[in-house]
Amino acid sequence: MAKAVAKKSKVVPILTGKRKTSVARVRITAGSGNITINGKPMDEYFGQDTLKLIATQSLELTNTKEKYDVVVNVYGGGLSGQAGAINHAVAKALIEEEPSYRDELKKAGFITRDSRMKERKKYGLKKARKASQFSKR
């Protein structure tokens, strides 16, 4: 009777990154450096070069841009927040893949979630802090 041999396959985790109201879910695998965002190549998804730079900062810092393929699902917020969320998630994924990257990514501030968000509007005011002009008479 033949014994079934289970192949040991490495499970690729999906890690999330957040910035403002954007949430990015990232899966990195060994590959040739292809970055796909919501089914589109990164050049097609992000028009500006600055957004591409922000999204790939952690890969550039660790010199792994050509080593991994990155598949991203991102939603919420605008393109700038989405780029920051992608960078946060990729940094967390790189640490999961290679724990020795933690020190340099932490020093650059890519692991910490940027918690700055738009302040909510208060009642009686026009915006979060803007009030109508005070009139004494």
Foldseek 3Di string as FASTA:
>chain_A
DDDDDDDDDDDFDWFWFFFAFKIKTKTKDFAQQFEAEPNHGPCVVDVDPVLVCLLCVLCVQVVCNGGIYMYMYMDDDDSNRRSLGNQLRVNVSVCVVPVVSVVVCVVVPSPDHDPDYAAAPDPQAPGNPHHPDDDPD
